[in-house]
Amino acid sequence: MGTGFHAEPEGLKHTAKHDMGKLVEHTESARLKLAGTELLDGKAFEGDEEVYEAHREWSNARAMLLGVFARNKENLELAQKALTEVAERYIAVDEDNERTFGGILS
């Protein structure tokens, strides 16, 4: 008697490694590009006091966004590990069921 639930552990592992891996890469790439804008601040914010005030606001916003990107990358990496662990547990249960029941559940 089945539970009505079906998982594709190899698909989960593929999603964790490849699909989520791309998200991690893109998130880090975006963070690095944003961090690189600091090198342009000197030219972008030349001018009077109003410009310097805008620079301060931009610097604060950039710092906040860099933190967001860093935390998002970390969360994606943790989600990758969790999804891989779930897949490996499904595989282990399937292998155990195969040994125990000799394939009659398949």
N, C-alpha and C. Protein backbone atom coordinates (compact mmCIF):
# COMPACT_ATOMS: atom_id res chain seq x y z
N MET A 1 0.84 -1.17 0.00
CA MET A 1 0.00 0.00 0.00
C MET A 1 0.89 1.24 0.00
N GLY A 2 0.75 2.07 -1.00
CA GLY A 2 1.57 3.28 -1.13
C GLY A 2 0.99 4.45 -0.37
N THR A 3 1.83 5.41 -0.15
CA THR A 3 1.41 6.63 0.57
C THR A 3 0.90 7.69 -0.38
N GLY A 4 1.07 7.50 -1.68
CA GLY A 4 0.67 8.50 -2.64
C GLY A 4 1.74 9.55 -2.86
N PHE A 5 2.85 9.39 -2.18
CA PHE A 5 3.96 10.33 -2.32
C PHE A 5 5.08 9.67 -3.08
N HIS A 6 5.64 10.41 -4.01
CA HIS A 6 6.73 9.86 -4.82
C HIS A 6 7.81 10.93 -4.95
N ALA A 7 9.05 10.53 -4.77
CA ALA A 7 10.18 11.46 -4.90
C ALA A 7 11.17 10.91 -5.91
N GLU A 8 11.80 11.79 -6.62
CA GLU A 8 12.85 11.42 -7.56
C GLU A 8 14.18 11.89 -6.97
N PRO A 9 14.83 11.04 -6.17
CA PRO A 9 16.05 11.49 -5.49
C PRO A 9 17.15 11.97 -6.43
N GLU A 10 17.31 11.33 -7.57
CA GLU A 10 18.35 11.78 -8.50
C GLU A 10 18.00 13.16 -9.07
N GLY A 11 16.71 13.41 -9.27
CA GLY A 11 16.27 14.73 -9.73
C GLY A 11 16.53 15.78 -8.66
N LEU A 12 16.31 15.42 -7.41
CA LEU A 12 16.58 16.34 -6.31
C LEU A 12 18.07 16.67 -6.24
N LYS A 13 18.90 15.65 -6.40
CA LYS A 13 20.34 15.88 -6.37
C LYS A 13 20.79 16.75 -7.54
N HIS A 14 20.21 16.51 -8.69
CA HIS A 14 20.53 17.33 -9.87
C HIS A 14 20.12 18.79 -9.63
N THR A 15 18.94 18.99 -9.10
CA THR A 15 18.47 20.35 -8.81
C THR A 15 19.40 21.04 -7.82
N ALA A 16 19.78 20.31 -6.78
CA ALA A 16 20.67 20.89 -5.77
C ALA A 16 22.01 21.27 -6.37
N LYS A 17 22.58 20.38 -7.14
CA LYS A 17 23.93 20.62 -7.67
C LYS A 17 23.93 21.63 -8.81
N HIS A 18 23.09 21.42 -9.79
CA HIS A 18 23.16 22.23 -11.01
C HIS A 18 22.31 23.49 -10.93
N ASP A 19 21.02 23.32 -10.66
CA ASP A 19 20.12 24.48 -10.68
C ASP A 19 20.42 25.45 -9.54
N MET A 20 20.50 24.92 -8.34
CA MET A 20 20.81 25.78 -7.21
C MET A 20 22.25 26.26 -7.26
N GLY A 21 23.12 25.43 -7.83
CA GLY A 21 24.51 25.84 -8.01
C GLY A 21 24.61 27.09 -8.88
N LYS A 22 23.79 27.14 -9.92
CA LYS A 22 23.77 28.33 -10.79
C LYS A 22 23.27 29.54 -10.01
N LEU A 23 22.26 29.36 -9.18
CA LEU A 23 21.77 30.47 -8.36
C LEU A 23 22.86 30.99 -7.44
N VAL A 24 23.63 30.09 -6.84
CA VAL A 24 24.73 30.49 -5.96
C VAL A 24 25.75 31.29 -6.77
N GLU A 25 26.11 30.79 -7.95
CA GLU A 25 27.09 31.49 -8.79
C GLU A 25 26.60 32.88 -9.19
N HIS A 26 25.35 32.98 -9.61
CA HIS A 26 24.81 34.27 -10.04
C HIS A 26 24.70 35.25 -8.87
N THR A 27 24.34 34.74 -7.71
CA THR A 27 24.25 35.59 -6.54
C THR A 27 25.63 36.15 -6.18
N GLU A 28 26.63 35.30 -6.21
CA GLU A 28 27.99 35.75 -5.89
C GLU A 28 28.50 36.71 -6.96
N SER A 29 28.21 36.44 -8.21
CA SER A 29 28.62 37.33 -9.30
C SER A 29 28.00 38.72 -9.12
N ALA A 30 26.72 38.76 -8.80
CA ALA A 30 26.05 40.04 -8.58
C ALA A 30 26.67 40.78 -7.39
N ARG A 31 26.98 40.04 -6.33
CA ARG A 31 27.59 40.67 -5.15
C ARG A 31 28.95 41.27 -5.50
N LEU A 32 29.75 40.54 -6.26
CA LEU A 32 31.07 41.03 -6.65
C LEU A 32 30.97 42.26 -7.56
N LYS A 33 30.00 42.25 -8.47
CA LYS A 33 29.81 43.42 -9.34
C LYS A 33 29.39 44.63 -8.53
N LEU A 34 28.51 44.43 -7.59
CA LEU A 34 28.09 45.53 -6.72
C LEU A 34 29.26 46.04 -5.89
N ALA A 35 30.05 45.13 -5.37
CA ALA A 35 31.22 45.53 -4.58
C ALA A 35 32.21 46.33 -5.44
N GLY A 36 32.31 45.98 -6.70
CA GLY A 36 33.20 46.67 -7.61
C GLY A 36 32.81 48.10 -7.90
N THR A 37 31.56 48.45 -7.63
CA THR A 37 31.14 49.83 -7.88
C THR A 37 31.83 50.81 -6.94
N GLU A 38 32.37 50.31 -5.84
CA GLU A 38 33.07 51.20 -4.90
C GLU A 38 34.25 51.89 -5.58
N LEU A 39 34.87 51.20 -6.52
CA LEU A 39 36.01 51.78 -7.23
C LEU A 39 35.61 52.98 -8.09
N LEU A 40 34.33 53.08 -8.42
CA LEU A 40 33.84 54.16 -9.27
C LEU A 40 33.32 55.36 -8.47
N ASP A 41 33.23 55.21 -7.17
CA ASP A 41 32.63 56.27 -6.35
C ASP A 41 33.33 57.61 -6.49
N GLY A 42 34.65 57.60 -6.58
CA GLY A 42 35.40 58.85 -6.66
C GLY A 42 34.96 59.71 -7.84
N LYS A 43 34.74 59.09 -8.98
CA LYS A 43 34.32 59.84 -10.16
C LYS A 43 32.82 60.11 -10.15
N ALA A 44 32.07 59.16 -9.69
CA ALA A 44 30.61 59.29 -9.73
C ALA A 44 30.09 60.35 -8.76
N PHE A 45 30.82 60.57 -7.69
CA PHE A 45 30.32 61.48 -6.66
C PHE A 45 31.21 62.71 -6.47
N GLU A 46 31.84 63.17 -7.54
CA GLU A 46 32.59 64.42 -7.47
C GLU A 46 31.61 65.58 -7.45
N GLY A 47 31.87 66.56 -6.63
CA GLY A 47 31.00 67.73 -6.65
C GLY A 47 30.83 68.35 -5.30
N ASP A 48 29.71 69.05 -5.16
CA ASP A 48 29.46 69.80 -3.93
C ASP A 48 28.89 68.92 -2.82
N GLU A 49 28.42 69.59 -1.77
CA GLU A 49 27.95 68.87 -0.57
C GLU A 49 26.78 67.93 -0.85
N GLU A 50 25.86 68.33 -1.72
CA GLU A 50 24.72 67.47 -2.04
C GLU A 50 25.18 66.14 -2.64
N VAL A 51 26.20 66.21 -3.44
CA VAL A 51 26.73 64.99 -4.06
C VAL A 51 27.37 64.10 -2.99
N TYR A 52 28.09 64.71 -2.05
CA TYR A 52 28.70 63.93 -0.98
C TYR A 52 27.65 63.28 -0.09
N GLU A 53 26.52 63.97 0.10
CA GLU A 53 25.43 63.39 0.89
C GLU A 53 24.84 62.18 0.15
N ALA A 54 24.69 62.32 -1.17
CA ALA A 54 24.19 61.20 -1.97
C ALA A 54 25.17 60.03 -1.91
N HIS A 55 26.46 60.35 -1.89
CA HIS A 55 27.48 59.30 -1.80
C HIS A 55 27.34 58.54 -0.50
N ARG A 56 27.10 59.23 0.58
CA ARG A 56 26.94 58.58 1.88
C ARG A 56 25.71 57.65 1.85
N GLU A 57 24.62 58.15 1.29
CA GLU A 57 23.41 57.33 1.19
C GLU A 57 23.65 56.09 0.32
N TRP A 58 24.34 56.30 -0.82
CA TRP A 58 24.64 55.18 -1.70
C TRP A 58 25.55 54.17 -1.02
N SER A 59 26.54 54.66 -0.29
CA SER A 59 27.46 53.76 0.41
C SER A 59 26.72 52.90 1.43
N ASN A 60 25.79 53.51 2.14
CA ASN A 60 24.98 52.75 3.12
C ASN A 60 24.10 51.73 2.42
N ALA A 61 23.48 52.15 1.31
CA ALA A 61 22.61 51.22 0.56
C ALA A 61 23.43 50.06 -0.01
N ARG A 62 24.61 50.38 -0.55
CA ARG A 62 25.47 49.33 -1.11
C ARG A 62 25.89 48.34 -0.02
N ALA A 63 26.27 48.85 1.14
CA ALA A 63 26.68 47.97 2.24
C ALA A 63 25.54 47.04 2.64
N MET A 64 24.33 47.59 2.70
CA MET A 64 23.18 46.76 3.04
C MET A 64 22.93 45.69 1.98
N LEU A 65 23.01 46.07 0.71
CA LEU A 65 22.79 45.12 -0.37
C LEU A 65 23.88 44.05 -0.42
N LEU A 66 25.12 44.43 -0.15
CA LEU A 66 26.19 43.44 -0.10
C LEU A 66 25.92 42.40 0.98
N GLY A 67 25.39 42.85 2.10
CA GLY A 67 25.01 41.91 3.17
C GLY A 67 23.89 40.99 2.74
N VAL A 68 22.91 41.55 2.03
CA VAL A 68 21.79 40.74 1.55
C VAL A 68 22.29 39.66 0.59
N PHE A 69 23.14 40.06 -0.36
CA PHE A 69 23.68 39.07 -1.30
C PHE A 69 24.49 37.99 -0.59
N ALA A 70 25.29 38.39 0.38
CA ALA A 70 26.10 37.41 1.12
C ALA A 70 25.22 36.42 1.87
N ARG A 71 24.17 36.93 2.53
CA ARG A 71 23.27 36.03 3.27
C ARG A 71 22.47 35.15 2.32
N ASN A 72 22.05 35.70 1.18
CA ASN A 72 21.33 34.89 0.20
C ASN A 72 22.20 33.75 -0.31
N LYS A 73 23.47 34.05 -0.59
CA LYS A 73 24.37 33.00 -1.05
C LYS A 73 24.50 31.91 0.02
N GLU A 74 24.68 32.33 1.26
CA GLU A 74 24.81 31.37 2.35
C GLU A 74 23.54 30.52 2.48
N ASN A 75 22.37 31.15 2.38
CA ASN A 75 21.11 30.41 2.48
C ASN A 75 20.94 29.43 1.32
N LEU A 76 21.34 29.84 0.13
CA LEU A 76 21.26 28.93 -1.02
C LEU A 76 22.19 27.74 -0.85
N GLU A 77 23.38 27.97 -0.31
CA GLU A 77 24.31 26.86 -0.08
C GLU A 77 23.77 25.90 0.97
N LEU A 78 23.13 26.45 2.01
CA LEU A 78 22.51 25.58 3.02
C LEU A 78 21.35 24.79 2.42
N ALA A 79 20.57 25.43 1.57
CA ALA A 79 19.45 24.74 0.92
C ALA A 79 19.96 23.64 -0.01
N GLN A 80 21.07 23.90 -0.68
CA GLN A 80 21.70 22.87 -1.52
C GLN A 80 22.05 21.64 -0.70
N LYS A 81 22.71 21.87 0.43
CA LYS A 81 23.11 20.77 1.30
C LYS A 81 21.89 20.01 1.82
N ALA A 82 20.86 20.75 2.20
CA ALA A 82 19.65 20.11 2.73
C ALA A 82 18.96 19.26 1.67
N LEU A 83 18.85 19.79 0.46
CA LEU A 83 18.20 19.05 -0.62
C LEU A 83 18.99 17.80 -0.98
N THR A 84 20.29 17.91 -0.98
CA THR A 84 21.15 16.74 -1.23
C THR A 84 20.96 15.70 -0.13
N GLU A 85 20.89 16.15 1.11
CA GLU A 85 20.69 15.23 2.24
C GLU A 85 19.34 14.52 2.13
N VAL A 86 18.30 15.26 1.76
CA VAL A 86 16.97 14.64 1.58
C VAL A 86 17.04 13.57 0.50
N ALA A 87 17.68 13.89 -0.61
CA ALA A 87 17.81 12.92 -1.70
C ALA A 87 18.57 11.68 -1.25
N GLU A 88 19.65 11.88 -0.53
CA GLU A 88 20.45 10.74 -0.06
C GLU A 88 19.66 9.88 0.92
N ARG A 89 18.82 10.50 1.73
CA ARG A 89 17.99 9.71 2.65
C ARG A 89 16.95 8.90 1.90
N TYR A 90 16.35 9.49 0.85
CA TYR A 90 15.41 8.71 0.03
C TYR A 90 16.11 7.52 -0.61
N ILE A 91 17.30 7.75 -1.11
CA ILE A 91 18.07 6.66 -1.74
C ILE A 91 18.37 5.57 -0.72
N ALA A 92 18.76 5.95 0.48
CA ALA A 92 19.08 4.98 1.53
C ALA A 92 17.84 4.17 1.90
N VAL A 93 16.68 4.83 2.01
CA VAL A 93 15.44 4.11 2.33
C VAL A 93 15.08 3.16 1.20
N ASP A 94 15.20 3.62 -0.04
CA ASP A 94 14.91 2.74 -1.18
C ASP A 94 15.82 1.51 -1.18
N GLU A 95 17.11 1.73 -0.92
CA GLU A 95 18.06 0.61 -0.88
C GLU A 95 17.72 -0.34 0.27
N ASP A 96 17.34 0.21 1.41
CA ASP A 96 16.96 -0.62 2.56
C ASP A 96 15.71 -1.42 2.24
N ASN A 97 14.73 -0.78 1.62
CA ASN A 97 13.50 -1.49 1.24
C ASN A 97 13.80 -2.59 0.22
N GLU A 98 14.71 -2.30 -0.69
CA GLU A 98 15.08 -3.29 -1.70
C GLU A 98 15.70 -4.52 -1.03
N ARG A 99 16.58 -4.29 -0.06
CA ARG A 99 17.20 -5.41 0.66
C ARG A 99 16.17 -6.15 1.50
N THR A 100 15.31 -5.41 2.18
CA THR A 100 14.36 -6.02 3.09
C THR A 100 13.25 -6.78 2.37
N PHE A 101 12.71 -6.14 1.32
CA PHE A 101 11.54 -6.73 0.67
C PHE A 101 11.84 -7.32 -0.70
N GLY A 102 13.08 -7.28 -1.11
CA GLY A 102 13.48 -7.90 -2.37
C GLY A 102 12.80 -7.32 -3.60
N GLY A 103 12.48 -6.06 -3.54
CA GLY A 103 11.92 -5.41 -4.73
C GLY A 103 10.42 -5.54 -4.86
N ILE A 104 9.71 -6.17 -3.90
CA ILE A 104 8.27 -6.33 -4.06
C ILE A 104 7.51 -5.01 -3.92
N LEU A 105 8.16 -3.97 -3.38
CA LEU A 105 7.50 -2.67 -3.25
C LEU A 105 7.67 -1.80 -4.49
N SER A 106 8.56 -2.19 -5.36
CA SER A 106 8.85 -1.37 -6.55
C SER A 106 7.73 -1.45 -7.55
